[in-house]
Protein backbone atom coordinates (compact mmCIF):
# COMPACT_ATOMS: atom_id res chain seq x y z
CA MET A 1 4.27 15.57 -6.94
CA ARG A 2 7.36 17.00 -5.72
CA SER A 3 6.72 15.39 -2.29
CA VAL A 4 5.93 12.10 -3.92
CA LYS A 5 9.24 12.28 -5.86
CA LEU A 6 11.08 13.22 -2.83
CA LEU A 7 9.67 10.08 -0.94
CA LEU A 8 10.16 7.68 -3.76
CA ARG A 9 13.97 9.32 -3.74
CA LEU A 10 14.71 8.41 -0.06
CA ILE A 11 12.86 5.18 -0.27
CA ARG A 12 15.28 4.48 -3.06
CA LEU A 13 18.42 5.55 -1.10
CA GLN A 14 17.58 3.43 1.61
CA ILE A 15 17.30 0.38 -0.52
CA ARG A 16 20.53 1.05 -1.82
CA SER A 17 22.10 1.23 1.69
CA GLN A 18 20.68 -1.83 2.82
CA LEU A 19 22.14 -3.57 -0.42
CA GLN A 20 25.63 -2.62 0.32
CA TYR A 21 26.39 -5.75 1.71
CA PRO A 22 24.32 -8.52 -0.27
CA ALA A 23 25.35 -11.50 1.42
CA SER A 24 24.43 -10.04 4.57
CA PHE A 25 20.92 -8.90 3.44
CA ILE A 26 20.31 -12.09 1.95
CA LEU A 27 21.53 -14.26 4.83
CA GLU A 28 19.39 -11.93 7.12
CA VAL A 29 15.91 -12.19 4.59
CA ILE A 30 16.49 -16.06 4.57
CA SER A 31 17.25 -16.17 8.64
CA GLY A 32 13.90 -14.51 8.99
CA VAL A 33 12.06 -16.87 6.91
CA ILE A 34 13.18 -19.51 8.84
CA ILE A 35 12.71 -18.26 12.20
CA MET A 36 9.40 -17.01 11.71
CA GLY A 37 8.68 -20.08 9.69
CA PHE A 38 9.00 -22.52 12.49
CA TYR A 39 6.07 -20.80 14.32
CA PHE A 40 3.86 -22.50 11.46
CA VAL A 41 5.78 -25.75 11.41
CA ALA A 42 5.31 -25.89 15.18
CA PHE A 43 1.75 -25.35 14.78
CA ALA A 44 1.01 -27.75 11.75
CA LEU A 45 2.81 -30.55 14.05
CA THR A 46 0.36 -29.73 16.83
CA PHE A 47 -2.51 -29.42 14.51
CA SER A 48 -1.61 -32.91 13.17
CA ARG A 49 -2.62 -34.46 16.31
CA PHE A 50 -6.23 -33.13 15.76
CA ASP A 51 -8.90 -33.49 12.54
CA ASN A 52 -9.45 -29.62 12.51
CA ILE A 53 -10.08 -26.61 14.52
CA GLY A 54 -13.30 -25.19 15.37
CA GLY A 55 -14.36 -26.97 11.68
CA TRP A 56 -11.37 -25.87 9.73
CA SER A 57 -8.67 -28.05 8.49
CA LEU A 58 -4.70 -27.28 8.32
CA GLY A 59 -4.87 -26.02 4.81
CA GLU A 60 -7.96 -23.55 5.57
CA VAL A 61 -6.00 -22.01 8.60
CA ALA A 62 -3.01 -21.56 6.26
CA PHE A 63 -4.89 -19.71 4.17
CA VAL A 64 -5.89 -17.12 6.49
CA TRP A 65 -2.31 -17.41 8.06
CA GLY A 66 -0.29 -16.82 5.02
CA LEU A 67 -2.55 -13.87 3.65
CA ALA A 68 -2.22 -12.32 7.36
CA GLU A 69 1.57 -13.03 7.48
CA PHE A 70 1.92 -11.53 3.94
CA SER A 71 -0.12 -8.69 4.78
CA PHE A 72 1.57 -7.52 7.99
CA GLY A 73 5.06 -7.99 6.37
CA THR A 74 4.22 -5.84 3.54
CA MET A 75 2.93 -3.34 5.91
CA ASP A 76 5.73 -3.56 8.05
CA MET A 77 8.33 -2.83 5.39
CA ILE A 78 6.31 0.27 4.04
CA PHE A 79 5.00 1.67 7.41
CA SER A 80 8.44 1.12 9.27
CA GLY A 81 8.66 4.81 10.03
CA PHE A 82 5.71 4.87 11.99
CA ASP A 83 6.90 1.60 13.95
CA TYR A 84 7.10 2.56 17.81
CA ASP A 85 10.43 1.46 17.68
CA ALA A 86 11.42 4.03 15.17
CA PHE A 87 9.18 6.65 16.07
CA GLY A 88 9.54 6.90 19.68
CA PRO A 89 13.12 7.66 19.66
CA MET A 90 12.47 10.43 16.86
CA ILE A 91 10.22 12.44 19.45
CA ARG A 92 12.61 11.93 22.35
CA LYS A 93 15.72 13.17 20.58
CA GLY A 94 14.17 16.01 19.02
CA GLN A 95 14.48 14.98 15.53
CA PHE A 96 10.75 15.06 14.83
CA ASP A 97 11.08 18.93 15.04
CA GLN A 98 13.77 18.86 12.06
CA LEU A 99 11.18 17.36 10.07
CA LEU A 100 8.75 20.05 10.86
CA LEU A 101 11.12 22.64 9.62
CA ARG A 102 11.53 21.11 6.24
CA PRO A 103 9.46 22.56 3.40
CA VAL A 104 7.84 18.71 3.03
CA ASN A 105 4.63 17.10 3.76
CA ILE A 106 5.48 15.61 7.31
CA THR A 107 3.65 12.32 6.57
CA LEU A 108 5.44 11.75 3.72
CA GLN A 109 8.91 12.39 5.51
CA VAL A 110 8.10 10.03 7.88
CA PHE A 111 6.92 7.50 5.69
CA GLY A 112 10.31 7.84 3.96
CA SER A 113 12.28 7.85 7.03
CA ARG A 114 12.60 4.39 7.43
CA PHE A 115 11.89 1.50 5.04
CA VAL A 116 13.27 -1.97 6.28
CA LEU A 117 13.73 -4.06 3.06
CA ARG A 118 14.56 -6.93 5.28
CA ARG A 119 10.85 -7.50 6.21
CA LEU A 120 10.84 -9.36 2.63
CA GLY A 121 11.53 -12.44 5.51
CA LYS A 122 8.01 -12.41 6.70
CA MET A 123 6.49 -11.70 3.30
CA ILE A 124 8.19 -14.48 1.62
CA GLU A 125 7.19 -16.89 4.88
CA GLY A 126 3.72 -15.40 4.36
CA LEU A 127 3.39 -16.23 0.79
CA ALA A 128 4.95 -19.85 1.25
CA ILE A 129 2.43 -20.67 3.63
CA PHE A 130 -0.59 -19.24 1.58
CA ILE A 131 0.62 -21.41 -1.40
CA TYR A 132 1.10 -24.16 0.72
CA SER A 133 -2.16 -23.91 1.84
CA LEU A 134 -3.39 -24.11 -1.88
CA THR A 135 -2.00 -27.41 -2.21
CA LEU A 136 -4.13 -28.80 0.67
CA ILE A 137 -7.55 -27.50 -0.27
CA GLN A 138 -9.45 -27.06 -3.09
CA VAL A 139 -10.61 -23.34 -3.72
CA GLU A 140 -13.56 -22.73 -6.31
CA TRP A 141 -11.69 -19.87 -7.83
CA THR A 142 -13.87 -17.04 -9.80
CA ALA A 143 -13.57 -14.00 -11.54
CA PHE A 144 -14.64 -11.99 -8.97
CA LYS A 145 -12.57 -14.26 -6.00
CA LEU A 146 -9.32 -13.74 -8.03
CA LEU A 147 -10.30 -10.10 -8.09
CA TYR A 148 -10.92 -9.80 -4.57
CA LEU A 149 -7.59 -11.38 -3.24
CA PRO A 150 -5.30 -8.82 -3.93
CA VAL A 151 -8.06 -6.01 -2.70
CA LEU A 152 -8.04 -8.02 0.68
CA VAL A 153 -4.41 -8.17 0.56
CA VAL A 154 -4.16 -4.17 0.07
CA SER A 155 -6.98 -3.58 2.39
CA GLN A 156 -5.21 -5.72 5.46
CA VAL A 157 -1.90 -3.58 4.64
CA PHE A 158 -3.74 -0.36 5.02
CA PHE A 159 -5.52 -1.83 8.11
CA PHE A 160 -2.37 -2.89 9.78
CA GLY A 161 -0.88 0.09 8.75
CA SER A 162 -3.71 2.36 10.61
CA LEU A 163 -2.61 0.97 13.54
CA PHE A 164 1.20 1.79 13.21
CA VAL A 165 -0.34 5.26 12.32
CA ILE A 166 -2.08 5.28 15.68
CA GLY A 167 0.53 3.91 17.90
CA ALA A 168 2.76 6.56 16.69
CA THR A 169 0.77 9.63 17.27
CA THR A 170 0.21 8.76 20.86
CA THR A 171 3.95 8.81 21.53
CA PHE A 172 3.53 12.91 20.88
CA TRP A 173 2.01 12.78 24.32
CA THR A 174 3.53 9.50 25.87
CA MET A 175 7.15 9.47 24.46
CA GLU A 176 7.42 6.03 25.35
CA ARG A 177 6.21 3.23 23.57
CA LEU A 178 3.05 2.14 24.82
CA GLU A 179 3.06 -2.10 25.14
CA ILE A 180 -0.70 -2.63 25.32
CA LEU A 181 -0.97 -1.17 21.50
CA ASN A 182 0.84 -4.40 20.74
CA ILE A 183 -2.46 -6.15 21.52
CA PHE A 184 -4.45 -4.53 18.55
CA SER A 185 -1.24 -4.25 15.92
CA TYR A 186 0.77 -7.86 16.85
CA GLY A 187 -2.18 -9.23 18.68
CA GLY A 188 -4.00 -8.45 15.65
CA ASN A 189 -1.89 -10.25 13.02
CA GLU A 190 -2.02 -13.37 15.70
CA VAL A 191 -5.59 -13.20 15.69
CA MET A 192 -6.40 -12.83 12.32
CA SER A 193 -4.08 -16.11 11.62
CA TYR A 194 -6.82 -18.06 12.76
CA PRO A 195 -10.74 -18.44 12.12
CA MET A 196 -11.93 -15.64 14.44
CA HIS A 197 -15.11 -18.15 15.98
CA ILE A 198 -12.45 -19.89 17.99
CA PHE A 199 -11.85 -17.32 20.39
CA PRO A 200 -13.81 -16.49 23.53
CA ARG A 201 -16.56 -13.89 23.00
CA PRO A 202 -14.65 -11.10 24.85
CA ILE A 203 -11.85 -11.64 22.41
CA ARG A 204 -14.14 -11.47 19.53
CA MET A 205 -15.93 -8.71 20.60
CA LEU A 206 -12.75 -6.89 20.92
CA PHE A 207 -11.40 -7.44 17.14
CA THR A 208 -14.58 -6.65 15.99
CA TYR A 209 -15.99 -3.49 17.62
CA VAL A 210 -12.74 -1.91 18.75
CA VAL A 211 -10.66 -3.25 15.98
CA PRO A 212 -12.42 -4.91 13.38
CA ALA A 213 -9.80 -7.12 12.16
CA ILE A 214 -12.70 -10.16 12.05
CA LEU A 215 -13.91 -8.11 9.04
CA LEU A 216 -10.52 -8.41 7.49
CA SER A 217 -9.61 -11.93 7.63
CA TYR A 218 -12.33 -13.98 8.86
CA TYR A 219 -15.46 -13.28 7.37
CA PRO A 220 -13.57 -12.43 3.65
CA ALA A 221 -12.22 -15.95 4.55
CA VAL A 222 -15.46 -17.50 5.03
CA TYR A 223 -16.60 -16.29 1.64
CA MET A 224 -12.96 -17.38 -0.24
CA LEU A 225 -13.23 -20.51 1.37
CA GLY A 226 -16.99 -21.51 0.96
CA LYS A 227 -17.10 -21.96 4.78
CA THR A 228 -20.30 -21.83 6.86
CA ASP A 229 -20.28 -19.14 9.71
CA PRO A 230 -21.42 -20.36 13.09
CA LEU A 231 -21.35 -16.58 14.12
CA GLY A 232 -24.59 -16.29 11.88
CA ALA A 233 -23.43 -13.11 10.45
CA PRO A 234 -25.06 -11.48 6.92
CA ALA A 235 -23.29 -12.41 3.64
CA PHE A 236 -22.36 -9.15 2.88
CA VAL A 237 -19.87 -8.56 5.43
CA SER A 238 -17.28 -10.55 3.68
CA PHE A 239 -16.90 -7.93 1.58
CA LEU A 240 -16.57 -5.03 3.98
CA ALA A 241 -12.86 -5.39 4.21
CA PRO A 242 -11.76 -2.76 1.67
CA VAL A 243 -14.27 -0.16 3.23
CA VAL A 244 -13.21 -0.81 6.63
CA ALA A 245 -9.31 -0.47 5.85
CA ALA A 246 -10.47 3.23 4.34
CA ALA A 247 -12.35 4.05 7.05
CA MET A 248 -9.58 3.20 9.82
CA PHE A 249 -6.78 4.53 7.71
CA TRP A 250 -8.83 8.19 7.24
CA LEU A 251 -9.60 7.84 10.98
CA ALA A 252 -5.55 7.23 11.47
CA LEU A 253 -4.72 10.03 9.55
CA ARG A 254 -7.10 12.37 11.07
CA PHE A 255 -5.56 11.45 14.50
CA TRP A 256 -2.22 11.75 13.10
CA HIS A 257 -2.94 15.59 12.12
CA PHE A 258 -4.28 16.30 15.20
CA GLY A 259 -1.51 14.77 17.12
CA ILE A 260 0.85 16.73 14.75
CA ARG A 261 -1.21 20.28 15.80
CA ASN A 262 -0.98 19.26 19.45
CA TYR A 263 2.72 18.36 19.26
CA GLN A 264 4.79 20.24 21.78
CA SER A 265 8.77 19.46 21.37
CA SER A 266 10.29 17.02 24.03
CA GLY A 267 13.22 19.77 24.49
CA SER A 268 15.85 17.45 23.64
């Protein structure tokens, strides 16, 4: 509990520091919403020339797009301490050694080392796209779907966070950011923004058996939207999102602790 209280205090201090100049912060969030929102606007304008994409309408694609963007933005704010751009310099400069000397849980220290509040822009963008999707489609909401929706969001947050933790752990040996990992983190976010069956088989296999993103977005959306799955998967796979997210996060933490046990200082 002491470590958790310290974590909350570190986050609270970072929030206060980022809100020292509220006008600048608000403008940064707004600019983030506008810039990232243009990607969807460009897609929607292009989509207007077609009736559907793989049998999915604009509203249905916006449904999965909005959820993925909101979840990734939330993760990027919470797990920003594990972001490659932040954690890599910490390793190279020897700052991680300082964390190891403190009598506080090392994982919570990294969590509290960075909390980027401006990621609210991406969250707002994702939420706006999701709400917009609901104006275009008629979802037959049930009590279970309403309960499953926040579970799905939390599952996606921990899934993306697991990829950040794994990426941060690799820097114990590489010292530098491995750009190939962006295929799974930022690339996974892009893939999860579309119906998975439209992609070539190699990509589907990659994001099913290597990084199971398909179980966090596509199959749950098939259930939520009442779509027919051309891939022919069993119905129960639509409900595996929390199980897959928990397994991914557990594996990521195991790899993280393995990296800490085998960490050797950069000498900086």
